[in-house]
Amino acid sequence: MKRKDITPLKYVGLILRLGLSMALPVVFGVLAGRYLDRRLGTGGVLLVISIAIGILTSFRNLYHQANKITGKK
């Protein structure tokens, strides 16, 4: 088998992609939850729910990207 040449820049891109795919859903959940709580006056309930959804989405994204990197389906 021929080994692919992996440059340090590709590692930086990989780390950046993984980091963003984990951080953005949580940040979006915080922003959406705060907005909805203020708009609907639910006192933080929707914030907690949206953060939990963001965390679950982050782990789902990480799982799918790890499978893509390792070549598993």
PDB file of N, CA and C in Angstrom:
ATOM      1  N   MET A   1       0.827  -1.178   0.000  1.00  0.00           N
ATOM      2  CA  MET A   1       0.000   0.000   0.000  1.00  0.00           C
ATOM      3  C   MET A   1       0.871   1.241   0.000  1.00  0.00           C
ATOM      4  N   LYS A   2       0.395   2.218  -0.696  1.00  0.00           N
ATOM      5  CA  LYS A   2       1.112   3.475  -0.759  1.00  0.00           C
ATOM      6  C   LYS A   2       0.587   4.407   0.329  1.00  0.00           C
ATOM      7  N   ARG A   3       1.502   4.952   1.094  1.00  0.00           N
ATOM      8  CA  ARG A   3       1.112   5.849   2.175  1.00  0.00           C
ATOM      9  C   ARG A   3       0.929   7.261   1.639  1.00  0.00           C
ATOM     10  N   LYS A   4      -0.167   7.890   2.055  1.00  0.00           N
ATOM     11  CA  LYS A   4      -0.409   9.264   1.648  1.00  0.00           C
ATOM     12  C   LYS A   4       0.500  10.196   2.438  1.00  0.00           C
ATOM     13  N   ASP A   5       0.983  11.232   1.775  1.00  0.00           N
ATOM     14  CA  ASP A   5       1.769  12.240   2.469  1.00  0.00           C
ATOM     15  C   ASP A   5       0.825  13.193   3.184  1.00  0.00           C
ATOM     16  N   ILE A   6       0.979  13.259   4.495  1.00  0.00           N
ATOM     17  CA  ILE A   6       0.138  14.143   5.288  1.00  0.00           C
ATOM     18  C   ILE A   6       1.009  15.279   5.802  1.00  0.00           C
ATOM     19  N   THR A   7       0.673  16.464   5.369  1.00  0.00           N
ATOM     20  CA  THR A   7       1.441  17.630   5.774  1.00  0.00           C
ATOM     21  C   THR A   7       0.892  18.176   7.091  1.00  0.00           C
ATOM     22  N   PRO A   8       1.707  18.955   7.791  1.00  0.00           N
ATOM     23  CA  PRO A   8       1.218  19.563   9.038  1.00  0.00           C
ATOM     24  C   PRO A   8      -0.010  20.442   8.823  1.00  0.00           C
ATOM     25  N   LEU A   9      -0.116  21.050   7.649  1.00  0.00           N
ATOM     26  CA  LEU A   9      -1.270  21.898   7.365  1.00  0.00           C
ATOM     27  C   LEU A   9      -2.562  21.080   7.315  1.00  0.00           C
ATOM     28  N   LYS A  10      -2.482  19.845   6.853  1.00  0.00           N
ATOM     29  CA  LYS A  10      -3.668  18.984   6.838  1.00  0.00           C
ATOM     30  C   LYS A  10      -4.091  18.622   8.258  1.00  0.00           C
ATOM     31  N   TYR A  11      -3.115  18.435   9.156  1.00  0.00           N
ATOM     32  CA  TYR A  11      -3.440  18.169  10.555  1.00  0.00           C
ATOM     33  C   TYR A  11      -4.125  19.371  11.193  1.00  0.00           C
ATOM     34  N   VAL A  12      -3.644  20.562  10.877  1.00  0.00           N
ATOM     35  CA  VAL A  12      -4.260  21.777  11.403  1.00  0.00           C
ATOM     36  C   VAL A  12      -5.695  21.888  10.902  1.00  0.00           C
ATOM     37  N   GLY A  13      -5.901  21.613   9.632  1.00  0.00           N
ATOM     38  CA  GLY A  13      -7.252  21.647   9.075  1.00  0.00           C
ATOM     39  C   GLY A  13      -8.170  20.631   9.727  1.00  0.00           C
ATOM     40  N   LEU A  14      -7.643  19.444   9.988  1.00  0.00           N
ATOM     41  CA  LEU A  14      -8.431  18.395  10.630  1.00  0.00           C
ATOM     42  C   LEU A  14      -8.833  18.802  12.045  1.00  0.00           C
ATOM     43  N   ILE A  15      -7.885  19.319  12.800  1.00  0.00           N
ATOM     44  CA  ILE A  15      -8.165  19.744  14.170  1.00  0.00           C
ATOM     45  C   ILE A  15      -9.157  20.902  14.180  1.00  0.00           C
ATOM     46  N   LEU A  16      -8.981  21.837  13.256  1.00  0.00           N
ATOM     47  CA  LEU A  16      -9.899  22.969  13.168  1.00  0.00           C
ATOM     48  C   LEU A  16     -11.312  22.505  12.822  1.00  0.00           C
ATOM     49  N   ARG A  17     -11.413  21.576  11.884  1.00  0.00           N
ATOM     50  CA  ARG A  17     -12.727  21.063  11.487  1.00  0.00           C
ATOM     51  C   ARG A  17     -13.406  20.330  12.646  1.00  0.00           C
ATOM     52  N   LEU A  18     -12.646  19.514  13.366  1.00  0.00           N
ATOM     53  CA  LEU A  18     -13.229  18.795  14.499  1.00  0.00           C
ATOM     54  C   LEU A  18     -13.644  19.753  15.611  1.00  0.00           C
ATOM     55  N   GLY A  19     -12.802  20.738  15.876  1.00  0.00           N
ATOM     56  CA  GLY A  19     -13.123  21.706  16.923  1.00  0.00           C
ATOM     57  C   GLY A  19     -14.362  22.523  16.605  1.00  0.00           C
ATOM     58  N   LEU A  20     -14.446  22.989  15.371  1.00  0.00           N
ATOM     59  CA  LEU A  20     -15.616  23.782  14.980  1.00  0.00           C
ATOM     60  C   LEU A  20     -16.889  22.948  14.969  1.00  0.00           C
ATOM     61  N   SER A  21     -16.770  21.697  14.542  1.00  0.00           N
ATOM     62  CA  SER A  21     -17.967  20.858  14.488  1.00  0.00           C
ATOM     63  C   SER A  21     -18.461  20.502  15.887  1.00  0.00           C
ATOM     64  N   MET A  22     -17.599  20.635  16.893  1.00  0.00           N
ATOM     65  CA  MET A  22     -18.040  20.403  18.265  1.00  0.00           C
ATOM     66  C   MET A  22     -18.488  21.692  18.944  1.00  0.00           C
ATOM     67  N   ALA A  23     -17.861  22.809  18.615  1.00  0.00           N
ATOM     68  CA  ALA A  23     -18.164  24.063  19.315  1.00  0.00           C
ATOM     69  C   ALA A  23     -19.400  24.769  18.770  1.00  0.00           C
ATOM     70  N   LEU A  24     -19.562  24.782  17.467  1.00  0.00           N
ATOM     71  CA  LEU A  24     -20.648  25.564  16.874  1.00  0.00           C
ATOM     72  C   LEU A  24     -22.052  25.119  17.292  1.00  0.00           C
ATOM     73  N   PRO A  25     -22.352  23.825  17.354  1.00  0.00           N
ATOM     74  CA  PRO A  25     -23.703  23.453  17.807  1.00  0.00           C
ATOM     75  C   PRO A  25     -23.999  23.888  19.244  1.00  0.00           C
ATOM     76  N   VAL A  26     -22.989  23.848  20.110  1.00  0.00           N
ATOM     77  CA  VAL A  26     -23.197  24.267  21.495  1.00  0.00           C
ATOM     78  C   VAL A  26     -23.412  25.778  21.565  1.00  0.00           C
ATOM     79  N   VAL A  27     -22.592  26.529  20.832  1.00  0.00           N
ATOM     80  CA  VAL A  27     -22.747  27.987  20.809  1.00  0.00           C
ATOM     81  C   VAL A  27     -24.113  28.364  20.240  1.00  0.00           C
ATOM     82  N   PHE A  28     -24.499  27.716  19.162  1.00  0.00           N
ATOM     83  CA  PHE A  28     -25.819  27.984  18.584  1.00  0.00           C
ATOM     84  C   PHE A  28     -26.926  27.634  19.574  1.00  0.00           C
ATOM     85  N   GLY A  29     -26.754  26.544  20.309  1.00  0.00           N
ATOM     86  CA  GLY A  29     -27.746  26.162  21.312  1.00  0.00           C
ATOM     87  C   GLY A  29     -27.873  27.192  22.423  1.00  0.00           C
ATOM     88  N   VAL A  30     -26.735  27.730  22.863  1.00  0.00           N
ATOM     89  CA  VAL A  30     -26.763  28.763  23.901  1.00  0.00           C
ATOM     90  C   VAL A  30     -27.483  30.006  23.391  1.00  0.00           C
ATOM     91  N   LEU A  31     -27.122  30.443  22.201  1.00  0.00           N
ATOM     92  CA  LEU A  31     -27.740  31.652  21.652  1.00  0.00           C
ATOM     93  C   LEU A  31     -29.238  31.465  21.413  1.00  0.00           C
ATOM     94  N   ALA A  32     -29.602  30.335  20.833  1.00  0.00           N
ATOM     95  CA  ALA A  32     -31.019  30.072  20.562  1.00  0.00           C
ATOM     96  C   ALA A  32     -31.802  29.913  21.861  1.00  0.00           C
ATOM     97  N   GLY A  33     -31.222  29.223  22.831  1.00  0.00           N
ATOM     98  CA  GLY A  33     -31.900  29.021  24.109  1.00  0.00           C
ATOM     99  C   GLY A  33     -32.109  30.318  24.869  1.00  0.00           C
ATOM    100  N   ARG A  34     -31.089  31.165  24.884  1.00  0.00           N
ATOM    101  CA  ARG A  34     -31.228  32.467  25.560  1.00  0.00           C
ATOM    102  C   ARG A  34     -32.296  33.316  24.885  1.00  0.00           C
ATOM    103  N   TYR A  35     -32.275  33.317  23.556  1.00  0.00           N
ATOM    104  CA  TYR A  35     -33.270  34.102  22.819  1.00  0.00           C
ATOM    105  C   TYR A  35     -34.683  33.610  23.122  1.00  0.00           C
ATOM    106  N   LEU A  36     -34.871  32.303  23.038  1.00  0.00           N
ATOM    107  CA  LEU A  36     -36.209  31.753  23.268  1.00  0.00           C
ATOM    108  C   LEU A  36     -36.665  31.951  24.712  1.00  0.00           C
ATOM    109  N   ASP A  37     -35.738  31.819  25.661  1.00  0.00           N
ATOM    110  CA  ASP A  37     -36.105  32.051  27.059  1.00  0.00           C
ATOM    111  C   ASP A  37     -36.539  33.493  27.293  1.00  0.00           C
ATOM    112  N   ARG A  38     -35.819  34.425  26.718  1.00  0.00           N
ATOM    113  CA  ARG A  38     -36.195  35.832  26.872  1.00  0.00           C
ATOM    114  C   ARG A  38     -37.518  36.123  26.168  1.00  0.00           C
ATOM    115  N   ARG A  39     -37.676  35.546  25.013  1.00  0.00           N
ATOM    116  CA  ARG A  39     -38.880  35.808  24.211  1.00  0.00           C
ATOM    117  C   ARG A  39     -40.133  35.190  24.844  1.00  0.00           C
ATOM    118  N   LEU A  40     -39.979  33.971  25.371  1.00  0.00           N
ATOM    119  CA  LEU A  40     -41.131  33.251  25.907  1.00  0.00           C
ATOM    120  C   LEU A  40     -41.235  33.314  27.430  1.00  0.00           C
ATOM    121  N   GLY A  41     -40.184  33.817  28.093  1.00  0.00           N
ATOM    122  CA  GLY A  41     -40.205  33.945  29.546  1.00  0.00           C
ATOM    123  C   GLY A  41     -40.231  32.619  30.285  1.00  0.00           C
ATOM    124  N   THR A  42     -39.458  31.656  29.822  1.00  0.00           N
ATOM    125  CA  THR A  42     -39.482  30.324  30.429  1.00  0.00           C
ATOM    126  C   THR A  42     -38.445  30.138  31.526  1.00  0.00           C
ATOM    127  N   GLY A  43     -37.638  31.139  31.813  1.00  0.00           N
ATOM    128  CA  GLY A  43     -36.747  31.083  32.970  1.00  0.00           C
ATOM    129  C   GLY A  43     -35.594  30.099  32.877  1.00  0.00           C
ATOM    130  N   GLY A  44     -35.036  29.893  31.734  1.00  0.00           N
ATOM    131  CA  GLY A  44     -33.845  29.060  31.600  1.00  0.00           C
ATOM    132  C   GLY A  44     -34.085  27.628  31.161  1.00  0.00           C
ATOM    133  N   VAL A  45     -35.321  27.222  31.082  1.00  0.00           N
ATOM    134  CA  VAL A  45     -35.634  25.840  30.705  1.00  0.00           C
ATOM    135  C   VAL A  45     -35.194  25.558  29.271  1.00  0.00           C
ATOM    136  N   LEU A  46     -35.534  26.450  28.374  1.00  0.00           N
ATOM    137  CA  LEU A  46     -35.177  26.237  26.967  1.00  0.00           C
ATOM    138  C   LEU A  46     -33.674  26.357  26.741  1.00  0.00           C
ATOM    139  N   LEU A  47     -32.998  27.150  27.571  1.00  0.00           N
ATOM    140  CA  LEU A  47     -31.542  27.246  27.478  1.00  0.00           C
ATOM    141  C   LEU A  47     -30.896  25.899  27.786  1.00  0.00           C
ATOM    142  N   VAL A  48     -31.336  25.272  28.857  1.00  0.00           N
ATOM    143  CA  VAL A  48     -30.785  23.968  29.240  1.00  0.00           C
ATOM    144  C   VAL A  48     -31.085  22.923  28.169  1.00  0.00           C
ATOM    145  N   ILE A  49     -32.289  22.929  27.656  1.00  0.00           N
ATOM    146  CA  ILE A  49     -32.672  21.961  26.623  1.00  0.00           C
ATOM    147  C   ILE A  49     -31.855  22.176  25.352  1.00  0.00           C
ATOM    148  N   SER A  50     -31.691  23.424  24.947  1.00  0.00           N
ATOM    149  CA  SER A  50     -30.948  23.689  23.712  1.00  0.00           C
ATOM    150  C   SER A  50     -29.457  23.406  23.872  1.00  0.00           C
ATOM    151  N   ILE A  51     -28.905  23.610  25.064  1.00  0.00           N
ATOM    152  CA  ILE A  51     -27.504  23.248  25.297  1.00  0.00           C
ATOM    153  C   ILE A  51     -27.343  21.733  25.215  1.00  0.00           C
ATOM    154  N   ALA A  52     -28.273  20.992  25.800  1.00  0.00           N
ATOM    155  CA  ALA A  52     -28.206  19.527  25.734  1.00  0.00           C
ATOM    156  C   ALA A  52     -28.299  19.042  24.294  1.00  0.00           C
ATOM    157  N   ILE A  53     -29.175  19.642  23.517  1.00  0.00           N
ATOM    158  CA  ILE A  53     -29.289  19.272  22.100  1.00  0.00           C
ATOM    159  C   ILE A  53     -27.997  19.614  21.365  1.00  0.00           C
ATOM    160  N   GLY A  54     -27.397  20.761  21.678  1.00  0.00           N
ATOM    161  CA  GLY A  54     -26.129  21.152  21.059  1.00  0.00           C
ATOM    162  C   GLY A  54     -25.006  20.183  21.387  1.00  0.00           C
ATOM    163  N   ILE A  55     -24.944  19.733  22.634  1.00  0.00           N
ATOM    164  CA  ILE A  55     -23.908  18.774  23.035  1.00  0.00           C
ATOM    165  C   ILE A  55     -24.109  17.443  22.321  1.00  0.00           C
ATOM    166  N   LEU A  56     -25.342  16.967  22.260  1.00  0.00           N
ATOM    167  CA  LEU A  56     -25.618  15.710  21.550  1.00  0.00           C
ATOM    168  C   LEU A  56     -25.274  15.825  20.071  1.00  0.00           C
ATOM    169  N   THR A  57     -25.594  16.956  19.481  1.00  0.00           N
ATOM    170  CA  THR A  57     -25.262  17.181  18.075  1.00  0.00           C
ATOM    171  C   THR A  57     -23.754  17.211  17.871  1.00  0.00           C
ATOM    172  N   SER A  58     -23.033  17.796  18.816  1.00  0.00           N
ATOM    173  CA  SER A  58     -21.573  17.843  18.720  1.00  0.00           C
ATOM    174  C   SER A  58     -20.972  16.444  18.724  1.00  0.00           C
ATOM    175  N   PHE A  59     -21.453  15.592  19.626  1.00  0.00           N
ATOM    176  CA  PHE A  59     -20.926  14.230  19.671  1.00  0.00           C
ATOM    177  C   PHE A  59     -21.321  13.434  18.430  1.00  0.00           C
ATOM    178  N   ARG A  60     -22.508  13.693  17.910  1.00  0.00           N
ATOM    179  CA  ARG A  60     -22.917  13.039  16.662  1.00  0.00           C
ATOM    180  C   ARG A  60     -21.990  13.450  15.523  1.00  0.00           C
ATOM    181  N   ASN A  61     -21.693  14.745  15.426  1.00  0.00           N
ATOM    182  CA  ASN A  61     -20.778  15.227  14.391  1.00  0.00           C
ATOM    183  C   ASN A  61     -19.396  14.614  14.547  1.00  0.00           C
ATOM    184  N   LEU A  62     -18.911  14.545  15.782  1.00  0.00           N
ATOM    185  CA  LEU A  62     -17.594  13.959  16.032  1.00  0.00           C
ATOM    186  C   LEU A  62     -17.571  12.487  15.629  1.00  0.00           C
ATOM    187  N   TYR A  63     -18.625  11.759  15.954  1.00  0.00           N
ATOM    188  CA  TYR A  63     -18.715  10.346  15.605  1.00  0.00           C
ATOM    189  C   TYR A  63     -18.676  10.150  14.089  1.00  0.00           C
ATOM    190  N   HIS A  64     -19.459  10.931  13.369  1.00  0.00           N
ATOM    191  CA  HIS A  64     -19.502  10.790  11.912  1.00  0.00           C
ATOM    192  C   HIS A  64     -18.175  11.196  11.265  1.00  0.00           C
ATOM    193  N   GLN A  65     -17.548  12.229  11.766  1.00  0.00           N
ATOM    194  CA  GLN A  65     -16.270  12.641  11.192  1.00  0.00           C
ATOM    195  C   GLN A  65     -15.166  11.641  11.515  1.00  0.00           C
ATOM    196  N   ALA A  66     -15.200  11.055  12.705  1.00  0.00           N
ATOM    197  CA  ALA A  66     -14.206  10.039  13.049  1.00  0.00           C
ATOM    198  C   ALA A  66     -14.363   8.813  12.154  1.00  0.00           C
ATOM    199  N   ASN A  67     -15.596   8.420  11.883  1.00  0.00           N
ATOM    200  CA  ASN A  67     -15.824   7.296  10.977  1.00  0.00           C
ATOM    201  C   ASN A  67     -15.369   7.621   9.561  1.00  0.00           C
ATOM    202  N   LYS A  68     -15.570   8.845   9.141  1.00  0.00           N
ATOM    203  CA  LYS A  68     -15.142   9.258   7.805  1.00  0.00           C
ATOM    204  C   LYS A  68     -13.616   9.242   7.693  1.00  0.00           C
ATOM    205  N   ILE A  69     -12.937   9.678   8.752  1.00  0.00           N
ATOM    206  CA  ILE A  69     -11.476   9.725   8.744  1.00  0.00           C
ATOM    207  C   ILE A  69     -10.889   8.318   8.749  1.00  0.00           C
ATOM    208  N   THR A  70     -11.476   7.428   9.558  1.00  0.00           N
ATOM    209  CA  THR A  70     -10.943   6.074   9.661  1.00  0.00           C
ATOM    210  C   THR A  70     -11.405   5.164   8.536  1.00  0.00           C
ATOM    211  N   GLY A  71     -12.378   5.620   7.755  1.00  0.00           N
ATOM    212  CA  GLY A  71     -12.845   4.828   6.626  1.00  0.00           C
ATOM    213  C   GLY A  71     -13.944   3.850   6.968  1.00  0.00           C
ATOM    214  N   LYS A  72     -14.482   3.931   8.180  1.00  0.00           N
ATOM    215  CA  LYS A  72     -15.588   3.055   8.567  1.00  0.00           C
ATOM    216  C   LYS A  72     -16.901   3.686   8.150  1.00  0.00           C
ATOM    217  N   LYS A  73     -17.910   2.846   8.004  1.00  0.00           N
ATOM    218  CA  LYS A  73     -19.225   3.368   7.617  1.00  0.00           C
ATOM    219  C   LYS A  73     -20.109   3.572   8.788  1.00  0.00           C
TER     220      LYS A  73
END
